[in-house]
PDB file of N, CA and C in Angstrom:
ATOM      1  N   MET A   1       0.823  -1.193   0.000  1.00  0.00           N
ATOM      2  CA  MET A   1       0.000   0.000   0.000  1.00  0.00           C
ATOM      3  C   MET A   1       0.867   1.257   0.000  1.00  0.00           C
ATOM      4  N   LYS A   2       2.036   1.198   0.593  1.00  0.00           N
ATOM      5  CA  LYS A   2       2.868   2.387   0.723  1.00  0.00           C
ATOM      6  C   LYS A   2       3.282   2.971  -0.617  1.00  0.00           C
ATOM      7  N   SER A   3       3.416   2.141  -1.632  1.00  0.00           N
ATOM      8  CA  SER A   3       3.887   2.632  -2.924  1.00  0.00           C
ATOM      9  C   SER A   3       2.755   3.070  -3.852  1.00  0.00           C
ATOM     10  N   MET A   4       1.507   2.902  -3.438  1.00  0.00           N
ATOM     11  CA  MET A   4       0.392   3.320  -4.291  1.00  0.00           C
ATOM     12  C   MET A   4      -0.609   4.141  -3.497  1.00  0.00           C
ATOM     13  N   SER A   5      -1.424   4.872  -4.217  1.00  0.00           N
ATOM     14  CA  SER A   5      -2.421   5.713  -3.552  1.00  0.00           C
ATOM     15  C   SER A   5      -3.487   4.822  -2.900  1.00  0.00           C
ATOM     16  N   PRO A   6      -4.173   5.346  -1.879  1.00  0.00           N
ATOM     17  CA  PRO A   6      -5.216   4.558  -1.218  1.00  0.00           C
ATOM     18  C   PRO A   6      -6.305   4.077  -2.181  1.00  0.00           C
ATOM     19  N   ILE A   7      -6.707   4.928  -3.111  1.00  0.00           N
ATOM     20  CA  ILE A   7      -7.757   4.519  -4.056  1.00  0.00           C
ATOM     21  C   ILE A   7      -7.280   3.389  -4.951  1.00  0.00           C
ATOM     22  N   GLU A   8      -6.025   3.451  -5.366  1.00  0.00           N
ATOM     23  CA  GLU A   8      -5.459   2.382  -6.192  1.00  0.00           C
ATOM     24  C   GLU A   8      -5.349   1.088  -5.383  1.00  0.00           C
ATOM     25  N   TRP A   9      -4.918   1.197  -4.139  1.00  0.00           N
ATOM     26  CA  TRP A   9      -4.796   0.023  -3.280  1.00  0.00           C
ATOM     27  C   TRP A   9      -6.162  -0.635  -3.065  1.00  0.00           C
ATOM     28  N   LEU A  10      -7.184   0.172  -2.796  1.00  0.00           N
ATOM     29  CA  LEU A  10      -8.536  -0.359  -2.609  1.00  0.00           C
ATOM     30  C   LEU A  10      -9.053  -1.014  -3.884  1.00  0.00           C
ATOM     31  N   ARG A  11      -8.768  -0.396  -5.025  1.00  0.00           N
ATOM     32  CA  ARG A  11      -9.194  -0.956  -6.306  1.00  0.00           C
ATOM     33  C   ARG A  11      -8.548  -2.317  -6.538  1.00  0.00           C
ATOM     34  N   ARG A  12      -7.257  -2.422  -6.252  1.00  0.00           N
ATOM     35  CA  ARG A  12      -6.555  -3.705  -6.428  1.00  0.00           C
ATOM     36  C   ARG A  12      -7.082  -4.767  -5.473  1.00  0.00           C
ATOM     37  N   LEU A  13      -7.418  -4.354  -4.274  1.00  0.00           N
ATOM     38  CA  LEU A  13      -7.989  -5.281  -3.305  1.00  0.00           C
ATOM     39  C   LEU A  13      -9.308  -5.839  -3.827  1.00  0.00           C
ATOM     40  N   GLU A  14     -10.108  -4.983  -4.434  1.00  0.00           N
ATOM     41  CA  GLU A  14     -11.395  -5.391  -4.992  1.00  0.00           C
ATOM     42  C   GLU A  14     -11.259  -6.280  -6.227  1.00  0.00           C
ATOM     43  N   GLU A  15     -10.235  -6.035  -7.022  1.00  0.00           N
ATOM     44  CA  GLU A  15     -10.052  -6.792  -8.266  1.00  0.00           C
ATOM     45  C   GLU A  15      -9.935  -8.287  -8.023  1.00  0.00           C
ATOM     46  N   ASP A  16      -9.252  -8.674  -6.986  1.00  0.00           N
ATOM     47  CA  ASP A  16      -9.073 -10.087  -6.662  1.00  0.00           C
ATOM     48  C   ASP A  16      -9.648 -10.322  -5.274  1.00  0.00           C
ATOM     49  N   SER A  17     -10.923 -10.052  -5.164  1.00  0.00           N
ATOM     50  CA  SER A  17     -11.620  -9.947  -3.887  1.00  0.00           C
ATOM     51  C   SER A  17     -11.249 -11.022  -2.861  1.00  0.00           C
ATOM     52  N   GLU A  18     -11.621 -12.270  -3.086  1.00  0.00           N
ATOM     53  CA  GLU A  18     -11.394 -13.297  -2.067  1.00  0.00           C
ATOM     54  C   GLU A  18      -9.908 -13.476  -1.771  1.00  0.00           C
ATOM     55  N   ARG A  19      -9.115 -13.618  -2.806  1.00  0.00           N
ATOM     56  CA  ARG A  19      -7.671 -13.799  -2.627  1.00  0.00           C
ATOM     57  C   ARG A  19      -7.032 -12.549  -2.030  1.00  0.00           C
ATOM     58  N   GLY A  20      -7.452 -11.382  -2.516  1.00  0.00           N
ATOM     59  CA  GLY A  20      -6.906 -10.127  -2.029  1.00  0.00           C
ATOM     60  C   GLY A  20      -7.170  -9.919  -0.552  1.00  0.00           C
ATOM     61  N   TYR A  21      -8.383 -10.203  -0.115  1.00  0.00           N
ATOM     62  CA  TYR A  21      -8.718 -10.031   1.293  1.00  0.00           C
ATOM     63  C   TYR A  21      -8.017 -11.069   2.163  1.00  0.00           C
ATOM     64  N   ARG A  22      -7.857 -12.272   1.656  1.00  0.00           N
ATOM     65  CA  ARG A  22      -7.113 -13.295   2.413  1.00  0.00           C
ATOM     66  C   ARG A  22      -5.646 -12.900   2.553  1.00  0.00           C
ATOM     67  N   MET A  23      -5.065 -12.372   1.486  1.00  0.00           N
ATOM     68  CA  MET A  23      -3.672 -11.927   1.546  1.00  0.00           C
ATOM     69  C   MET A  23      -3.527 -10.749   2.504  1.00  0.00           C
ATOM     70  N   LEU A  24      -4.464  -9.834   2.469  1.00  0.00           N
ATOM     71  CA  LEU A  24      -4.456  -8.695   3.387  1.00  0.00           C
ATOM     72  C   LEU A  24      -4.474  -9.184   4.829  1.00  0.00           C
ATOM     73  N   LEU A  25      -5.359 -10.106   5.125  1.00  0.00           N
ATOM     74  CA  LEU A  25      -5.493 -10.641   6.471  1.00  0.00           C
ATOM     75  C   LEU A  25      -4.211 -11.350   6.908  1.00  0.00           C
ATOM     76  N   ALA A  26      -3.632 -12.130   6.018  1.00  0.00           N
ATOM     77  CA  ALA A  26      -2.383 -12.827   6.342  1.00  0.00           C
ATOM     78  C   ALA A  26      -1.252 -11.836   6.589  1.00  0.00           C
ATOM     79  N   ASP A  27      -1.169 -10.811   5.760  1.00  0.00           N
ATOM     80  CA  ASP A  27      -0.120  -9.810   5.898  1.00  0.00           C
ATOM     81  C   ASP A  27      -0.296  -8.993   7.184  1.00  0.00           C
ATOM     82  N   ALA A  28      -1.544  -8.669   7.514  1.00  0.00           N
ATOM     83  CA  ALA A  28      -1.832  -7.854   8.695  1.00  0.00           C
ATOM     84  C   ALA A  28      -1.621  -8.638   9.987  1.00  0.00           C
ATOM     85  N   GLY A  29      -1.860  -9.932   9.940  1.00  0.00           N
ATOM     86  CA  GLY A  29      -1.673 -10.757  11.130  1.00  0.00           C
ATOM     87  C   GLY A  29      -2.899 -10.911  11.999  1.00  0.00           C
ATOM     88  N   CYS A  30      -3.853  -9.986  11.873  1.00  0.00           N
ATOM     89  CA  CYS A  30      -5.110 -10.115  12.619  1.00  0.00           C
ATOM     90  C   CYS A  30      -6.181  -9.252  11.953  1.00  0.00           C
ATOM     91  N   LEU A  31      -7.416  -9.560  12.276  1.00  0.00           N
ATOM     92  CA  LEU A  31      -8.540  -8.861  11.660  1.00  0.00           C
ATOM     93  C   LEU A  31      -8.561  -7.377  12.010  1.00  0.00           C
ATOM     94  N   ALA A  32      -8.207  -7.021  13.229  1.00  0.00           N
ATOM     95  CA  ALA A  32      -8.237  -5.609  13.632  1.00  0.00           C
ATOM     96  C   ALA A  32      -7.286  -4.769  12.789  1.00  0.00           C
ATOM     97  N   VAL A  33      -6.090  -5.253  12.556  1.00  0.00           N
ATOM     98  CA  VAL A  33      -5.103  -4.508  11.759  1.00  0.00           C
ATOM     99  C   VAL A  33      -5.565  -4.422  10.307  1.00  0.00           C
ATOM    100  N   ALA A  34      -6.044  -5.531   9.758  1.00  0.00           N
ATOM    101  CA  ALA A  34      -6.521  -5.536   8.371  1.00  0.00           C
ATOM    102  C   ALA A  34      -7.691  -4.564   8.207  1.00  0.00           C
ATOM    103  N   ALA A  35      -8.624  -4.594   9.141  1.00  0.00           N
ATOM    104  CA  ALA A  35      -9.793  -3.711   9.077  1.00  0.00           C
ATOM    105  C   ALA A  35      -9.370  -2.253   9.212  1.00  0.00           C
ATOM    106  N   HIS A  36      -8.423  -1.975  10.067  1.00  0.00           N
ATOM    107  CA  HIS A  36      -7.946  -0.605  10.225  1.00  0.00           C
ATOM    108  C   HIS A  36      -7.303  -0.126   8.929  1.00  0.00           C
ATOM    109  N   ARG A  37      -6.542  -0.968   8.266  1.00  0.00           N
ATOM    110  CA  ARG A  37      -5.903  -0.588   7.001  1.00  0.00           C
ATOM    111  C   ARG A  37      -6.942  -0.225   5.948  1.00  0.00           C
ATOM    112  N   VAL A  38      -7.980  -1.049   5.834  1.00  0.00           N
ATOM    113  CA  VAL A  38      -9.029  -0.784   4.843  1.00  0.00           C
ATOM    114  C   VAL A  38      -9.785   0.489   5.207  1.00  0.00           C
ATOM    115  N   ALA A  39     -10.174   0.624   6.461  1.00  0.00           N
ATOM    116  CA  ALA A  39     -10.925   1.809   6.898  1.00  0.00           C
ATOM    117  C   ALA A  39     -10.099   3.079   6.708  1.00  0.00           C
ATOM    118  N   LYS A  40      -8.829   3.021   7.054  1.00  0.00           N
ATOM    119  CA  LYS A  40      -7.953   4.187   6.904  1.00  0.00           C
ATOM    120  C   LYS A  40      -7.804   4.565   5.433  1.00  0.00           C
ATOM    121  N   ALA A  41      -7.623   3.563   4.570  1.00  0.00           N
ATOM    122  CA  ALA A  41      -7.497   3.836   3.132  1.00  0.00           C
ATOM    123  C   ALA A  41      -8.766   4.499   2.603  1.00  0.00           C
ATOM    124  N   ARG A  42      -9.915   4.021   3.043  1.00  0.00           N
ATOM    125  CA  ARG A  42     -11.180   4.631   2.600  1.00  0.00           C
ATOM    126  C   ARG A  42     -11.280   6.073   3.080  1.00  0.00           C
ATOM    127  N   CYS A  43     -10.877   6.324   4.312  1.00  0.00           N
ATOM    128  CA  CYS A  43     -10.915   7.690   4.850  1.00  0.00           C
ATOM    129  C   CYS A  43     -10.036   8.631   4.035  1.00  0.00           C
ATOM    130  N   GLN A  44      -8.952   8.112   3.525  1.00  0.00           N
ATOM    131  CA  GLN A  44      -8.016   8.934   2.765  1.00  0.00           C
ATOM    132  C   GLN A  44      -8.505   9.230   1.353  1.00  0.00           C
ATOM    133  N   THR A  45      -9.588   8.595   0.927  1.00  0.00           N
ATOM    134  CA  THR A  45     -10.124   8.839  -0.419  1.00  0.00           C
ATOM    135  C   THR A  45     -11.280   9.834  -0.416  1.00  0.00           C
ATOM    136  N   TRP A  46     -11.706  10.272   0.752  1.00  0.00           N
ATOM    137  CA  TRP A  46     -12.814  11.218   0.840  1.00  0.00           C
ATOM    138  C   TRP A  46     -12.383  12.601   0.379  1.00  0.00           C
ATOM    139  N   MET A  47     -13.373  13.414   0.038  1.00  0.00           N
ATOM    140  CA  MET A  47     -13.090  14.785  -0.380  1.00  0.00           C
ATOM    141  C   MET A  47     -12.336  15.527   0.727  1.00  0.00           C
ATOM    142  N   VAL A  48     -12.800  15.358   1.957  1.00  0.00           N
ATOM    143  CA  VAL A  48     -12.082  15.895   3.113  1.00  0.00           C
ATOM    144  C   VAL A  48     -11.426  14.690   3.781  1.00  0.00           C
ATOM    145  N   ALA A  49     -10.205  14.416   3.380  1.00  0.00           N
ATOM    146  CA  ALA A  49      -9.515  13.205   3.804  1.00  0.00           C
ATOM    147  C   ALA A  49      -9.083  13.263   5.261  1.00  0.00           C
ATOM    148  N   THR A  50      -9.065  12.105   5.883  1.00  0.00           N
ATOM    149  CA  THR A  50      -8.560  11.936   7.236  1.00  0.00           C
ATOM    150  C   THR A  50      -7.791  10.628   7.286  1.00  0.00           C
ATOM    151  N   SER A  51      -6.925  10.484   8.241  1.00  0.00           N
ATOM    152  CA  SER A  51      -6.170   9.243   8.344  1.00  0.00           C
ATOM    153  C   SER A  51      -6.558   8.441   9.578  1.00  0.00           C
ATOM    154  N   VAL A  52      -7.576   8.913  10.299  1.00  0.00           N
ATOM    155  CA  VAL A  52      -8.035   8.200  11.488  1.00  0.00           C
ATOM    156  C   VAL A  52      -9.493   7.786  11.283  1.00  0.00           C
ATOM    157  N   PRO A  53      -9.727   6.486  11.104  1.00  0.00           N
ATOM    158  CA  PRO A  53     -11.099   6.013  10.904  1.00  0.00           C
ATOM    159  C   PRO A  53     -11.876   5.952  12.218  1.00  0.00           C
ATOM    160  N   THR A  54     -13.183   5.933  12.093  1.00  0.00           N
ATOM    161  CA  THR A  54     -14.032   5.749  13.271  1.00  0.00           C
ATOM    162  C   THR A  54     -14.117   4.254  13.585  1.00  0.00           C
ATOM    163  N   VAL A  55     -14.559   3.951  14.775  1.00  0.00           N
ATOM    164  CA  VAL A  55     -14.734   2.554  15.177  1.00  0.00           C
ATOM    165  C   VAL A  55     -15.760   1.882  14.264  1.00  0.00           C
ATOM    166  N   ARG A  56     -16.788   2.606  13.894  1.00  0.00           N
ATOM    167  CA  ARG A  56     -17.811   2.041  12.985  1.00  0.00           C
ATOM    168  C   ARG A  56     -17.214   1.684  11.625  1.00  0.00           C
ATOM    169  N   GLU A  57     -16.328   2.538  11.136  1.00  0.00           N
ATOM    170  CA  GLU A  57     -15.681   2.261   9.843  1.00  0.00           C
ATOM    171  C   GLU A  57     -14.777   1.035   9.936  1.00  0.00           C
ATOM    172  N   VAL A  58     -14.097   0.898  11.055  1.00  0.00           N
ATOM    173  CA  VAL A  58     -13.243  -0.285  11.258  1.00  0.00           C
ATOM    174  C   VAL A  58     -14.115  -1.529  11.337  1.00  0.00           C
ATOM    175  N   ARG A  59     -15.228  -1.457  12.034  1.00  0.00           N
ATOM    176  CA  ARG A  59     -16.130  -2.625  12.138  1.00  0.00           C
ATOM    177  C   ARG A  59     -16.711  -2.983  10.774  1.00  0.00           C
ATOM    178  N   ALA A  60     -17.105  -1.989  10.002  1.00  0.00           N
ATOM    179  CA  ALA A  60     -17.635  -2.257   8.662  1.00  0.00           C
ATOM    180  C   ALA A  60     -16.570  -2.921   7.795  1.00  0.00           C
ATOM    181  N   ALA A  61     -15.345  -2.458   7.905  1.00  0.00           N
ATOM    182  CA  ALA A  61     -14.252  -3.060   7.143  1.00  0.00           C
ATOM    183  C   ALA A  61     -13.999  -4.493   7.612  1.00  0.00           C
ATOM    184  N   ALA A  62     -14.080  -4.730   8.911  1.00  0.00           N
ATOM    185  CA  ALA A  62     -13.894  -6.084   9.452  1.00  0.00           C
ATOM    186  C   ALA A  62     -14.966  -7.025   8.918  1.00  0.00           C
ATOM    187  N   ARG A  63     -16.193  -6.545   8.873  1.00  0.00           N
ATOM    188  CA  ARG A  63     -17.296  -7.372   8.348  1.00  0.00           C
ATOM    189  C   ARG A  63     -17.052  -7.699   6.870  1.00  0.00           C
ATOM    190  N   GLU A  64     -16.632  -6.707   6.105  1.00  0.00           N
ATOM    191  CA  GLU A  64     -16.359  -6.921   4.685  1.00  0.00           C
ATOM    192  C   GLU A  64     -15.213  -7.919   4.490  1.00  0.00           C
ATOM    193  N   ILE A  65     -14.148  -7.766   5.248  1.00  0.00           N
ATOM    194  CA  ILE A  65     -13.004  -8.675   5.135  1.00  0.00           C
ATOM    195  C   ILE A  65     -13.421 -10.099   5.485  1.00  0.00           C
ATOM    196  N   ALA A  66     -14.143 -10.256   6.584  1.00  0.00           N
ATOM    197  CA  ALA A  66     -14.587 -11.586   7.004  1.00  0.00           C
ATOM    198  C   ALA A  66     -15.450 -12.241   5.937  1.00  0.00           C
ATOM    199  N   THR A  67     -16.357 -11.482   5.364  1.00  0.00           N
ATOM    200  CA  THR A  67     -17.241 -12.015   4.326  1.00  0.00           C
ATOM    201  C   THR A  67     -16.459 -12.382   3.069  1.00  0.00           C
ATOM    202  N   ARG A  68     -15.619 -11.479   2.597  1.00  0.00           N
ATOM    203  CA  ARG A  68     -14.906 -11.699   1.341  1.00  0.00           C
ATOM    204  C   ARG A  68     -13.759 -12.689   1.451  1.00  0.00           C
ATOM    205  N   ALA A  69     -13.227 -12.856   2.647  1.00  0.00           N
ATOM    206  CA  ALA A  69     -12.142 -13.824   2.840  1.00  0.00           C
ATOM    207  C   ALA A  69     -12.693 -15.204   3.192  1.00  0.00           C
ATOM    208  N   GLY A  70     -14.015 -15.307   3.248  1.00  0.00           N
ATOM    209  CA  GLY A  70     -14.638 -16.595   3.519  1.00  0.00           C
ATOM    210  C   GLY A  70     -14.599 -17.012   4.981  1.00  0.00           C
ATOM    211  N   LEU A  71     -14.559 -16.030   5.888  1.00  0.00           N
ATOM    212  CA  LEU A  71     -14.497 -16.337   7.316  1.00  0.00           C
ATOM    213  C   LEU A  71     -15.870 -16.422   7.963  1.00  0.00           C
ATOM    214  N   GLY A  72     -16.895 -16.111   7.207  1.00  0.00           N
ATOM    215  CA  GLY A  72     -18.242 -16.131   7.756  1.00  0.00           C
ATOM    216  C   GLY A  72     -18.661 -14.768   8.273  1.00  0.00           C
ATOM    217  N   ASP A  73     -19.762 -14.753   9.005  1.00  0.00           N
ATOM    218  CA  ASP A  73     -20.340 -13.502   9.476  1.00  0.00           C
ATOM    219  C   ASP A  73     -19.902 -13.104  10.879  1.00  0.00           C
ATOM    220  N   SER A  74     -19.213 -13.970  11.563  1.00  0.00           N
ATOM    221  CA  SER A  74     -18.845 -13.700  12.946  1.00  0.00           C
ATOM    222  C   SER A  74     -17.597 -12.822  13.017  1.00  0.00           C
ATOM    223  N   ILE A  75     -17.781 -11.622  13.571  1.00  0.00           N
ATOM    224  CA  ILE A  75     -16.652 -10.714  13.765  1.00  0.00           C
ATOM    225  C   ILE A  75     -16.695 -10.209  15.200  1.00  0.00           C
ATOM    226  N   PRO A  76     -15.575  -9.726  15.705  1.00  0.00           N
ATOM    227  CA  PRO A  76     -15.567  -9.219  17.082  1.00  0.00           C
ATOM    228  C   PRO A  76     -16.515  -8.030  17.266  1.00  0.00           C
ATOM    229  N   ALA A  77     -16.926  -7.834  18.487  1.00  0.00           N
ATOM    230  CA  ALA A  77     -17.770  -6.688  18.829  1.00  0.00           C
ATOM    231  C   ALA A  77     -17.007  -5.393  18.561  1.00  0.00           C
ATOM    232  N   THR A  78     -17.747  -4.328  18.358  1.00  0.00           N
ATOM    233  CA  THR A  78     -17.143  -3.028  18.095  1.00  0.00           C
ATOM    234  C   THR A  78     -16.156  -2.642  19.198  1.00  0.00           C
ATOM    235  N   SER A  79     -16.542  -2.853  20.432  1.00  0.00           N
ATOM    236  CA  SER A  79     -15.659  -2.490  21.555  1.00  0.00           C
ATOM    237  C   SER A  79     -14.378  -3.323  21.542  1.00  0.00           C
ATOM    238  N   THR A  80     -14.471  -4.580  21.154  1.00  0.00           N
ATOM    239  CA  THR A  80     -13.290  -5.444  21.073  1.00  0.00           C
ATOM    240  C   THR A  80     -12.356  -4.966  19.973  1.00  0.00           C
ATOM    241  N   LEU A  81     -12.915  -4.632  18.823  1.00  0.00           N
ATOM    242  CA  LEU A  81     -12.087  -4.114  17.729  1.00  0.00           C
ATOM    243  C   LEU A  81     -11.400  -2.817  18.143  1.00  0.00           C
ATOM    244  N   ALA A  82     -12.124  -1.948  18.833  1.00  0.00           N
ATOM    245  CA  ALA A  82     -11.550  -0.680  19.289  1.00  0.00           C
ATOM    246  C   ALA A  82     -10.399  -0.929  20.255  1.00  0.00           C
ATOM    247  N   LEU A  83     -10.593  -1.847  21.192  1.00  0.00           N
ATOM    248  CA  LEU A  83      -9.538  -2.170  22.155  1.00  0.00           C
ATOM    249  C   LEU A  83      -8.337  -2.810  21.462  1.00  0.00           C
ATOM    250  N   ASP A  84      -8.599  -3.691  20.496  1.00  0.00           N
ATOM    251  CA  ASP A  84      -7.513  -4.321  19.741  1.00  0.00           C
ATOM    252  C   ASP A  84      -6.701  -3.267  18.999  1.00  0.00           C
ATOM    253  N   CYS A  85      -7.380  -2.361  18.328  1.00  0.00           N
ATOM    254  CA  CYS A  85      -6.683  -1.296  17.598  1.00  0.00           C
ATOM    255  C   CYS A  85      -5.864  -0.442  18.567  1.00  0.00           C
ATOM    256  N   GLU A  86      -6.484  -0.068  19.663  1.00  0.00           N
ATOM    257  CA  GLU A  86      -5.797   0.768  20.650  1.00  0.00           C
ATOM    258  C   GLU A  86      -4.547   0.070  21.192  1.00  0.00           C
ATOM    259  N   SER A  87      -4.672  -1.208  21.509  1.00  0.00           N
ATOM    260  CA  SER A  87      -3.532  -1.942  22.072  1.00  0.00           C
ATOM    261  C   SER A  87      -2.407  -2.118  21.061  1.00  0.00           C
ATOM    262  N   LEU A  88      -2.737  -2.021  19.776  1.00  0.00           N
ATOM    263  CA  LEU A  88      -1.736  -2.140  18.711  1.00  0.00           C
ATOM    264  C   LEU A  88      -1.217  -0.781  18.253  1.00  0.00           C
ATOM    265  N   GLY A  89      -1.695   0.276  18.899  1.00  0.00           N
ATOM    266  CA  GLY A  89      -1.243   1.624  18.544  1.00  0.00           C
ATOM    267  C   GLY A  89      -1.885   2.192  17.294  1.00  0.00           C
ATOM    268  N   LEU A  90      -3.040   1.659  16.925  1.00  0.00           N
ATOM    269  CA  LEU A  90      -3.757   2.129  15.737  1.00  0.00           C
ATOM    270  C   LEU A  90      -4.882   3.065  16.187  1.00  0.00           C
ATOM    271  N   PRO A  91      -4.797   4.333  15.831  1.00  0.00           N
ATOM    272  CA  PRO A  91      -5.804   5.284  16.301  1.00  0.00           C
ATOM    273  C   PRO A  91      -7.169   5.095  15.630  1.00  0.00           C
ATOM    274  N   VAL A  92      -8.207   5.204  16.440  1.00  0.00           N
ATOM    275  CA  VAL A  92      -9.584   5.198  15.940  1.00  0.00           C
ATOM    276  C   VAL A  92     -10.360   6.259  16.706  1.00  0.00           C
ATOM    277  N   MET A  93     -11.388   6.776  16.059  1.00  0.00           N
ATOM    278  CA  MET A  93     -12.252   7.766  16.710  1.00  0.00           C
ATOM    279  C   MET A  93     -13.510   7.086  17.206  1.00  0.00           C
TER     280      MET A  93
END
């Protein structure tokens, strides 16, 4: 992601959806980190860009990753994702 723009990174992730999301999850090491990466990239594509996603955006990204990576519908609670991000030094609002 560092060598390409957030919109390009998101587009590439979508192009190879199942494989792309599985690779993202493997690279991130856990769902919270992967979800934060996706949420942050989306925030950076807005007209008024930000680099700190909300907890809701991280949860939505976690749900999308779980679904597209074939993990099913079960994802951690919003509060758990927030605590995981916080403990890993990933800022969320």
